[in-house]
Amino acid sequence: MLERLDGSVVELERAAPEQRQELHARVVAVWETRFHDLLEESDDESRRELVRSLDELVRYGRASSGEASAGDRGFAVAGTVDIRADRGSAAAGVMGDVAIGNPQQPGPGQS
């Protein structure tokens, strides 16, 4: 299976630029099916190990391709980003709950 995966990588690298996107989509679909079948046919212990290996493979592929990636609620950039706040606003790549303005004055008995 690893030889076949390597073969797919070589095929993508050798493809002409105008063919690469279509070939990439086809290769992704084929490997998605192969991995799905492999996981479905595995027992629980083997499946856990396969998932760990596939996760590592995906991280390696992203890192070696120069593609930026981030986890849930993450922010990744493969280039330049310019984030600015203007006129009392807030700006961020990833932002949770934000309140803008003056805080309320504490009531009696609060500090």
N, C-alpha and C. Protein backbone atom coordinates (compact mmCIF):
# COMPACT_ATOMS: atom_id res chain seq x y z
N MET A 1 0.83 -1.19 0.00
CA MET A 1 0.00 0.00 0.00
C MET A 1 0.88 1.26 0.00
N LEU A 2 1.97 1.23 0.76
CA LEU A 2 2.86 2.40 0.79
C LEU A 2 3.50 2.64 -0.58
N GLU A 3 3.83 1.56 -1.29
CA GLU A 3 4.38 1.70 -2.63
C GLU A 3 3.36 2.35 -3.57
N ARG A 4 2.11 1.96 -3.43
CA ARG A 4 1.06 2.55 -4.27
C ARG A 4 0.88 4.03 -3.93
N LEU A 5 0.96 4.35 -2.64
CA LEU A 5 0.83 5.74 -2.22
C LEU A 5 2.00 6.57 -2.76
N ASP A 6 3.20 6.02 -2.66
CA ASP A 6 4.37 6.70 -3.24
C ASP A 6 4.20 6.89 -4.74
N GLY A 7 3.64 5.89 -5.41
CA GLY A 7 3.39 5.99 -6.85
C GLY A 7 2.43 7.12 -7.17
N SER A 8 1.43 7.30 -6.34
CA SER A 8 0.48 8.40 -6.55
C SER A 8 1.16 9.75 -6.39
N VAL A 9 2.05 9.85 -5.41
CA VAL A 9 2.79 11.10 -5.19
C VAL A 9 3.66 11.41 -6.40
N VAL A 10 4.36 10.41 -6.90
CA VAL A 10 5.21 10.60 -8.08
C VAL A 10 4.37 11.01 -9.28
N GLU A 11 3.23 10.37 -9.45
CA GLU A 11 2.33 10.71 -10.56
C GLU A 11 1.89 12.18 -10.47
N LEU A 12 1.56 12.63 -9.28
CA LEU A 12 1.16 14.03 -9.10
C LEU A 12 2.32 14.98 -9.38
N GLU A 13 3.51 14.62 -8.91
CA GLU A 13 4.67 15.48 -9.13
C GLU A 13 5.04 15.60 -10.60
N ARG A 14 4.82 14.54 -11.37
CA ARG A 14 5.18 14.53 -12.78
C ARG A 14 4.11 15.12 -13.69
N ALA A 15 2.92 15.30 -13.17
CA ALA A 15 1.81 15.82 -13.99
C ALA A 15 2.07 17.26 -14.41
N ALA A 16 1.60 17.58 -15.59
CA ALA A 16 1.68 18.96 -16.08
C ALA A 16 0.82 19.85 -15.18
N PRO A 17 1.24 21.09 -14.97
CA PRO A 17 0.48 21.98 -14.07
C PRO A 17 -1.02 22.07 -14.40
N GLU A 18 -1.36 22.08 -15.66
CA GLU A 18 -2.78 22.20 -16.03
C GLU A 18 -3.56 20.91 -15.76
N GLN A 19 -2.88 19.81 -15.53
CA GLN A 19 -3.54 18.53 -15.25
C GLN A 19 -3.53 18.20 -13.76
N ARG A 20 -2.73 18.92 -13.00
CA ARG A 20 -2.50 18.57 -11.61
C ARG A 20 -3.76 18.64 -10.74
N GLN A 21 -4.58 19.64 -10.92
CA GLN A 21 -5.76 19.80 -10.06
C GLN A 21 -6.75 18.65 -10.27
N GLU A 22 -7.00 18.30 -11.53
CA GLU A 22 -7.93 17.20 -11.82
C GLU A 22 -7.36 15.87 -11.31
N LEU A 23 -6.07 15.65 -11.56
CA LEU A 23 -5.42 14.43 -11.09
C LEU A 23 -5.43 14.36 -9.57
N HIS A 24 -5.18 15.48 -8.92
CA HIS A 24 -5.20 15.53 -7.45
C HIS A 24 -6.56 15.10 -6.92
N ALA A 25 -7.63 15.63 -7.50
CA ALA A 25 -8.99 15.28 -7.06
C ALA A 25 -9.25 13.78 -7.24
N ARG A 26 -8.79 13.23 -8.34
CA ARG A 26 -8.99 11.81 -8.61
C ARG A 26 -8.19 10.95 -7.62
N VAL A 27 -6.93 11.33 -7.37
CA VAL A 27 -6.08 10.58 -6.44
C VAL A 27 -6.67 10.65 -5.02
N VAL A 28 -7.14 11.80 -4.63
CA VAL A 28 -7.74 11.95 -3.29
C VAL A 28 -8.95 11.03 -3.16
N ALA A 29 -9.80 10.99 -4.17
CA ALA A 29 -11.00 10.14 -4.12
C ALA A 29 -10.62 8.66 -4.02
N VAL A 30 -9.63 8.24 -4.79
CA VAL A 30 -9.20 6.85 -4.76
C VAL A 30 -8.65 6.48 -3.38
N TRP A 31 -7.77 7.34 -2.84
CA TRP A 31 -7.16 7.02 -1.55
C TRP A 31 -8.15 7.14 -0.41
N GLU A 32 -9.09 8.04 -0.52
CA GLU A 32 -10.13 8.15 0.50
C GLU A 32 -10.90 6.83 0.58
N THR A 33 -11.23 6.27 -0.57
CA THR A 33 -11.94 4.99 -0.61
C THR A 33 -11.08 3.87 -0.05
N ARG A 34 -9.81 3.83 -0.44
CA ARG A 34 -8.91 2.78 0.06
C ARG A 34 -8.77 2.85 1.57
N PHE A 35 -8.57 4.05 2.11
CA PHE A 35 -8.41 4.19 3.55
C PHE A 35 -9.70 3.85 4.29
N HIS A 36 -10.82 4.26 3.73
CA HIS A 36 -12.12 3.95 4.33
C HIS A 36 -12.31 2.44 4.40
N ASP A 37 -12.04 1.74 3.29
CA ASP A 37 -12.18 0.28 3.26
C ASP A 37 -11.24 -0.38 4.26
N LEU A 38 -10.01 0.09 4.32
CA LEU A 38 -9.03 -0.47 5.23
C LEU A 38 -9.47 -0.31 6.68
N LEU A 39 -9.97 0.87 7.02
CA LEU A 39 -10.44 1.11 8.39
C LEU A 39 -11.67 0.27 8.70
N GLU A 40 -12.56 0.13 7.75
CA GLU A 40 -13.78 -0.63 7.95
C GLU A 40 -13.49 -2.12 8.17
N GLU A 41 -12.45 -2.62 7.52
CA GLU A 41 -12.12 -4.04 7.60
C GLU A 41 -11.27 -4.38 8.83
N SER A 42 -10.82 -3.38 9.56
CA SER A 42 -9.90 -3.60 10.69
C SER A 42 -10.65 -3.78 12.00
N ASP A 43 -10.03 -4.54 12.91
CA ASP A 43 -10.60 -4.66 14.26
C ASP A 43 -10.29 -3.37 15.02
N ASP A 44 -10.86 -3.21 16.20
CA ASP A 44 -10.74 -1.96 16.96
C ASP A 44 -9.29 -1.57 17.23
N GLU A 45 -8.47 -2.52 17.67
CA GLU A 45 -7.09 -2.20 18.00
C GLU A 45 -6.31 -1.78 16.76
N SER A 46 -6.47 -2.52 15.68
CA SER A 46 -5.79 -2.17 14.42
C SER A 46 -6.28 -0.84 13.89
N ARG A 47 -7.58 -0.58 14.03
CA ARG A 47 -8.16 0.68 13.54
C ARG A 47 -7.56 1.87 14.27
N ARG A 48 -7.38 1.76 15.59
CA ARG A 48 -6.77 2.86 16.35
C ARG A 48 -5.35 3.14 15.86
N GLU A 49 -4.59 2.09 15.62
CA GLU A 49 -3.22 2.26 15.12
C GLU A 49 -3.22 2.86 13.72
N LEU A 50 -4.15 2.41 12.88
CA LEU A 50 -4.26 2.97 11.52
C LEU A 50 -4.61 4.45 11.56
N VAL A 51 -5.53 4.81 12.42
CA VAL A 51 -5.93 6.22 12.54
C VAL A 51 -4.73 7.06 12.96
N ARG A 52 -3.95 6.59 13.92
CA ARG A 52 -2.75 7.32 14.35
C ARG A 52 -1.77 7.46 13.18
N SER A 53 -1.57 6.39 12.44
CA SER A 53 -0.64 6.42 11.30
C SER A 53 -1.13 7.35 10.19
N LEU A 54 -2.43 7.31 9.92
CA LEU A 54 -2.99 8.18 8.88
C LEU A 54 -2.91 9.64 9.30
N ASP A 55 -3.16 9.91 10.57
CA ASP A 55 -3.04 11.28 11.08
C ASP A 55 -1.62 11.78 10.91
N GLU A 56 -0.65 10.94 11.24
CA GLU A 56 0.75 11.31 11.08
C GLU A 56 1.09 11.53 9.60
N LEU A 57 0.56 10.70 8.74
CA LEU A 57 0.78 10.83 7.30
C LEU A 57 0.22 12.15 6.78
N VAL A 58 -0.97 12.50 7.23
CA VAL A 58 -1.59 13.76 6.80
C VAL A 58 -0.76 14.95 7.28
N ARG A 59 -0.32 14.93 8.54
CA ARG A 59 0.51 16.02 9.06
C ARG A 59 1.82 16.13 8.30
N TYR A 60 2.42 15.00 7.98
CA TYR A 60 3.66 15.00 7.20
C TYR A 60 3.41 15.58 5.81
N GLY A 61 2.33 15.17 5.18
CA GLY A 61 2.01 15.67 3.85
C GLY A 61 1.79 17.17 3.84
N ARG A 62 1.09 17.67 4.83
CA ARG A 62 0.86 19.11 4.90
C ARG A 62 2.15 19.87 5.15
N ALA A 63 2.97 19.35 6.04
CA ALA A 63 4.23 20.03 6.36
C ALA A 63 5.16 20.03 5.16
N SER A 64 5.25 18.92 4.44
CA SER A 64 6.17 18.84 3.32
C SER A 64 5.67 19.60 2.10
N SER A 65 4.38 19.86 2.03
CA SER A 65 3.84 20.60 0.89
C SER A 65 3.91 22.10 1.10
N GLY A 66 4.25 22.52 2.33
CA GLY A 66 4.30 23.94 2.63
C GLY A 66 2.91 24.51 2.91
N GLU A 67 1.91 23.65 2.94
CA GLU A 67 0.54 24.08 3.21
C GLU A 67 0.39 24.37 4.70
N ALA A 68 -0.23 25.47 5.01
CA ALA A 68 -0.48 25.80 6.41
C ALA A 68 -1.70 25.04 6.89
N SER A 69 -1.68 24.62 8.15
CA SER A 69 -2.84 23.94 8.70
C SER A 69 -2.94 24.26 10.18
N ALA A 70 -4.16 24.24 10.68
CA ALA A 70 -4.41 24.50 12.09
C ALA A 70 -5.55 23.61 12.54
N GLY A 71 -5.58 23.31 13.82
CA GLY A 71 -6.64 22.50 14.37
C GLY A 71 -7.91 23.32 14.56
N ASP A 72 -8.87 22.72 15.27
CA ASP A 72 -10.13 23.40 15.54
C ASP A 72 -9.88 24.76 16.19
N ARG A 73 -10.58 25.74 15.74
CA ARG A 73 -10.48 27.11 16.24
C ARG A 73 -9.08 27.66 16.11
N GLY A 74 -8.30 27.08 15.21
CA GLY A 74 -6.94 27.55 14.99
C GLY A 74 -6.88 28.52 13.83
N PHE A 75 -5.71 29.05 13.59
CA PHE A 75 -5.50 30.03 12.54
C PHE A 75 -4.14 29.76 11.93
N ALA A 76 -4.11 29.40 10.66
CA ALA A 76 -2.85 29.11 10.00
C ALA A 76 -2.76 29.90 8.71
N VAL A 77 -1.59 30.41 8.41
CA VAL A 77 -1.39 31.22 7.22
C VAL A 77 -0.14 30.77 6.50
N ALA A 78 -0.25 30.57 5.21
CA ALA A 78 0.93 30.26 4.39
C ALA A 78 1.18 31.48 3.53
N GLY A 79 1.50 32.57 4.15
CA GLY A 79 1.71 33.83 3.43
C GLY A 79 1.66 34.98 4.41
N THR A 80 1.16 36.09 3.95
CA THR A 80 1.11 37.29 4.77
C THR A 80 -0.33 37.60 5.17
N VAL A 81 -0.49 38.02 6.41
CA VAL A 81 -1.81 38.41 6.89
C VAL A 81 -1.67 39.76 7.56
N ASP A 82 -2.64 40.62 7.35
CA ASP A 82 -2.64 41.94 7.96
C ASP A 82 -3.99 42.12 8.64
N ILE A 83 -4.01 42.08 9.96
CA ILE A 83 -5.25 42.21 10.73
C ILE A 83 -5.17 43.50 11.52
N ARG A 84 -6.18 44.34 11.36
CA ARG A 84 -6.17 45.64 12.04
C ARG A 84 -7.52 45.92 12.71
N ALA A 85 -7.44 46.55 13.86
CA ALA A 85 -8.64 47.04 14.53
C ALA A 85 -8.69 48.54 14.30
N ASP A 86 -9.89 49.07 14.08
CA ASP A 86 -10.04 50.48 13.76
C ASP A 86 -11.23 51.06 14.50
N ARG A 87 -11.09 52.27 15.00
CA ARG A 87 -12.17 53.02 15.64
C ARG A 87 -12.88 52.24 16.74
N GLY A 88 -12.13 51.73 17.70
CA GLY A 88 -12.73 51.05 18.84
C GLY A 88 -13.23 49.66 18.54
N SER A 89 -12.85 49.08 17.42
CA SER A 89 -13.28 47.73 17.09
C SER A 89 -12.25 46.72 17.57
N ALA A 90 -12.54 45.46 17.39
CA ALA A 90 -11.61 44.40 17.76
C ALA A 90 -11.30 43.59 16.51
N ALA A 91 -10.09 43.11 16.42
CA ALA A 91 -9.70 42.30 15.27
C ALA A 91 -8.76 41.20 15.72
N ALA A 92 -8.91 40.03 15.13
CA ALA A 92 -8.03 38.90 15.45
C ALA A 92 -8.20 37.84 14.38
N GLY A 93 -7.24 36.96 14.29
CA GLY A 93 -7.37 35.84 13.37
C GLY A 93 -8.41 34.86 13.86
N VAL A 94 -8.43 34.61 15.15
CA VAL A 94 -9.44 33.76 15.79
C VAL A 94 -9.91 34.52 17.01
N MET A 95 -11.21 34.66 17.14
CA MET A 95 -11.73 35.49 18.23
C MET A 95 -12.89 34.77 18.91
N GLY A 96 -12.86 34.75 20.21
CA GLY A 96 -13.97 34.20 20.99
C GLY A 96 -14.98 35.30 21.27
N ASP A 97 -15.65 35.21 22.42
CA ASP A 97 -16.62 36.22 22.80
C ASP A 97 -15.89 37.53 23.09
N VAL A 98 -16.34 38.58 22.45
CA VAL A 98 -15.70 39.88 22.60
C VAL A 98 -16.78 40.92 22.89
N ALA A 99 -16.52 41.79 23.87
CA ALA A 99 -17.42 42.90 24.18
C ALA A 99 -16.62 44.18 24.02
N ILE A 100 -17.17 45.12 23.30
CA ILE A 100 -16.49 46.39 23.08
C ILE A 100 -17.30 47.48 23.77
N GLY A 101 -16.62 48.37 24.43
CA GLY A 101 -17.30 49.47 25.11
C GLY A 101 -16.83 49.58 26.54
N ASN A 102 -17.43 50.47 27.27
CA ASN A 102 -17.07 50.67 28.67
C ASN A 102 -17.79 49.64 29.52
N PRO A 103 -17.09 49.08 30.51
CA PRO A 103 -17.76 48.10 31.37
C PRO A 103 -18.81 48.79 32.23
N GLN A 104 -19.80 48.03 32.61
CA GLN A 104 -20.83 48.58 33.50
C GLN A 104 -20.23 48.83 34.87
N GLN A 105 -20.76 49.87 35.53
CA GLN A 105 -20.34 50.16 36.90
C GLN A 105 -20.94 49.10 37.82
N PRO A 106 -20.14 48.67 38.80
CA PRO A 106 -20.70 47.67 39.73
C PRO A 106 -21.84 48.26 40.54
N GLY A 107 -22.80 47.42 40.82
CA GLY A 107 -23.95 47.85 41.62
C GLY A 107 -23.60 47.82 43.10
N PRO A 108 -24.55 48.18 43.95
CA PRO A 108 -24.31 48.19 45.41
C PRO A 108 -23.89 46.78 45.88
N GLY A 109 -22.86 46.72 46.69
CA GLY A 109 -22.41 45.46 47.25
C GLY A 109 -21.49 44.67 46.31
N GLN A 110 -21.21 45.21 45.13
CA GLN A 110 -20.29 44.55 44.20
C GLN A 110 -19.02 45.37 44.11
N SER A 111 -17.95 44.71 43.85
CA SER A 111 -16.71 45.47 43.68
C SER A 111 -15.94 44.93 42.51
